[in-house]
């Protein structure tokens, strides 16, 4: 009984850490997407100015 409880708690900890890393990856991807859009907009303005 103690072994099963420990394994289930470690499994929940593993899934929570995995979900946290997934959320961090998603936020990083969104931040990179916004940064690339901003960079493209700045380049577009530079091209229009020249």
C-alpha atoms as a PDB file:
ATOM      1  CA  UNK A   1       0.000   0.000   0.000  1.00  0.00           C
ATOM      2  CA  UNK A   2       2.822   2.418   0.917  1.00  0.00           C
ATOM      3  CA  UNK A   3       4.694   1.531  -2.273  1.00  0.00           C
ATOM      4  CA  UNK A   4       1.664   2.184  -4.470  1.00  0.00           C
ATOM      5  CA  UNK A   5       1.048   5.524  -2.738  1.00  0.00           C
ATOM      6  CA  UNK A   6       4.662   6.568  -3.231  1.00  0.00           C
ATOM      7  CA  UNK A   7       4.613   5.558  -6.883  1.00  0.00           C
ATOM      8  CA  UNK A   8       1.359   7.445  -7.493  1.00  0.00           C
ATOM      9  CA  UNK A   9       2.722  10.574  -5.776  1.00  0.00           C
ATOM     10  CA  UNK A  10       5.936  10.405  -7.809  1.00  0.00           C
ATOM     11  CA  UNK A  11       3.847   9.896 -10.952  1.00  0.00           C
ATOM     12  CA  UNK A  12       1.725  12.960 -10.161  1.00  0.00           C
ATOM     13  CA  UNK A  13       4.904  14.950  -9.483  1.00  0.00           C
ATOM     14  CA  UNK A  14       6.339  13.810 -12.810  1.00  0.00           C
ATOM     15  CA  UNK A  15       3.167  14.747 -14.692  1.00  0.00           C
ATOM     16  CA  UNK A  16       3.012  18.154 -12.982  1.00  0.00           C
ATOM     17  CA  UNK A  17       6.660  18.895 -13.849  1.00  0.00           C
ATOM     18  CA  UNK A  18       6.013  17.732 -17.419  1.00  0.00           C
ATOM     19  CA  UNK A  19       2.964  19.998 -17.680  1.00  0.00           C
ATOM     20  CA  UNK A  20       5.011  22.909 -16.297  1.00  0.00           C
ATOM     21  CA  UNK A  21       7.766  22.354 -18.865  1.00  0.00           C
ATOM     22  CA  UNK A  22       5.113  22.111 -21.599  1.00  0.00           C
ATOM     23  CA  UNK A  23       3.593  25.429 -20.503  1.00  0.00           C
ATOM     24  CA  UNK A  24       7.064  27.032 -20.433  1.00  0.00           C
ATOM     25  CA  UNK A  25       7.719  25.735 -23.951  1.00  0.00           C
ATOM     26  CA  UNK A  26       4.373  27.092 -25.170  1.00  0.00           C
ATOM     27  CA  UNK A  27       5.019  30.525 -23.644  1.00  0.00           C
ATOM     28  CA  UNK A  28       8.525  30.550 -25.123  1.00  0.00           C
ATOM     29  CA  UNK A  29       7.105  29.710 -28.566  1.00  0.00           C
ATOM     30  CA  UNK A  30       4.503  32.488 -28.307  1.00  0.00           C
ATOM     31  CA  UNK A  31       7.157  34.977 -27.162  1.00  0.00           C
ATOM     32  CA  UNK A  32       9.411  33.990 -30.073  1.00  0.00           C
ATOM     33  CA  UNK A  33       6.492  34.370 -32.498  1.00  0.00           C
ATOM     34  CA  UNK A  34       5.697  37.865 -31.187  1.00  0.00           C
ATOM     35  CA  UNK A  35       9.377  38.831 -31.332  1.00  0.00           C
ATOM     36  CA  UNK A  36       9.648  37.657 -34.953  1.00  0.00           C
ATOM     37  CA  UNK A  37       6.484  39.567 -35.892  1.00  0.00           C
ATOM     38  CA  UNK A  38       7.887  42.722 -34.296  1.00  0.00           C
ATOM     39  CA  UNK A  39      11.205  42.238 -36.107  1.00  0.00           C
ATOM     40  CA  UNK A  40       9.410  41.774 -39.442  1.00  0.00           C
ATOM     41  CA  UNK A  41       7.358  44.919 -38.824  1.00  0.00           C
ATOM     42  CA  UNK A  42      10.515  46.935 -38.053  1.00  0.00           C
ATOM     43  CA  UNK A  43      12.195  45.599 -41.208  1.00  0.00           C
ATOM     44  CA  UNK A  44       9.075  46.455 -43.222  1.00  0.00           C
ATOM     45  CA  UNK A  45       9.147  50.038 -41.919  1.00  0.00           C
ATOM     46  CA  UNK A  46      12.858  50.297 -42.813  1.00  0.00           C
ATOM     47  CA  UNK A  47      12.128  49.049 -46.348  1.00  0.00           C
ATOM     48  CA  UNK A  48       9.293  51.580 -46.706  1.00  0.00           C
ATOM     49  CA  UNK A  49      11.527  54.425 -45.507  1.00  0.00           C
ATOM     50  CA  UNK A  50      14.201  53.623 -48.142  1.00  0.00           C
END
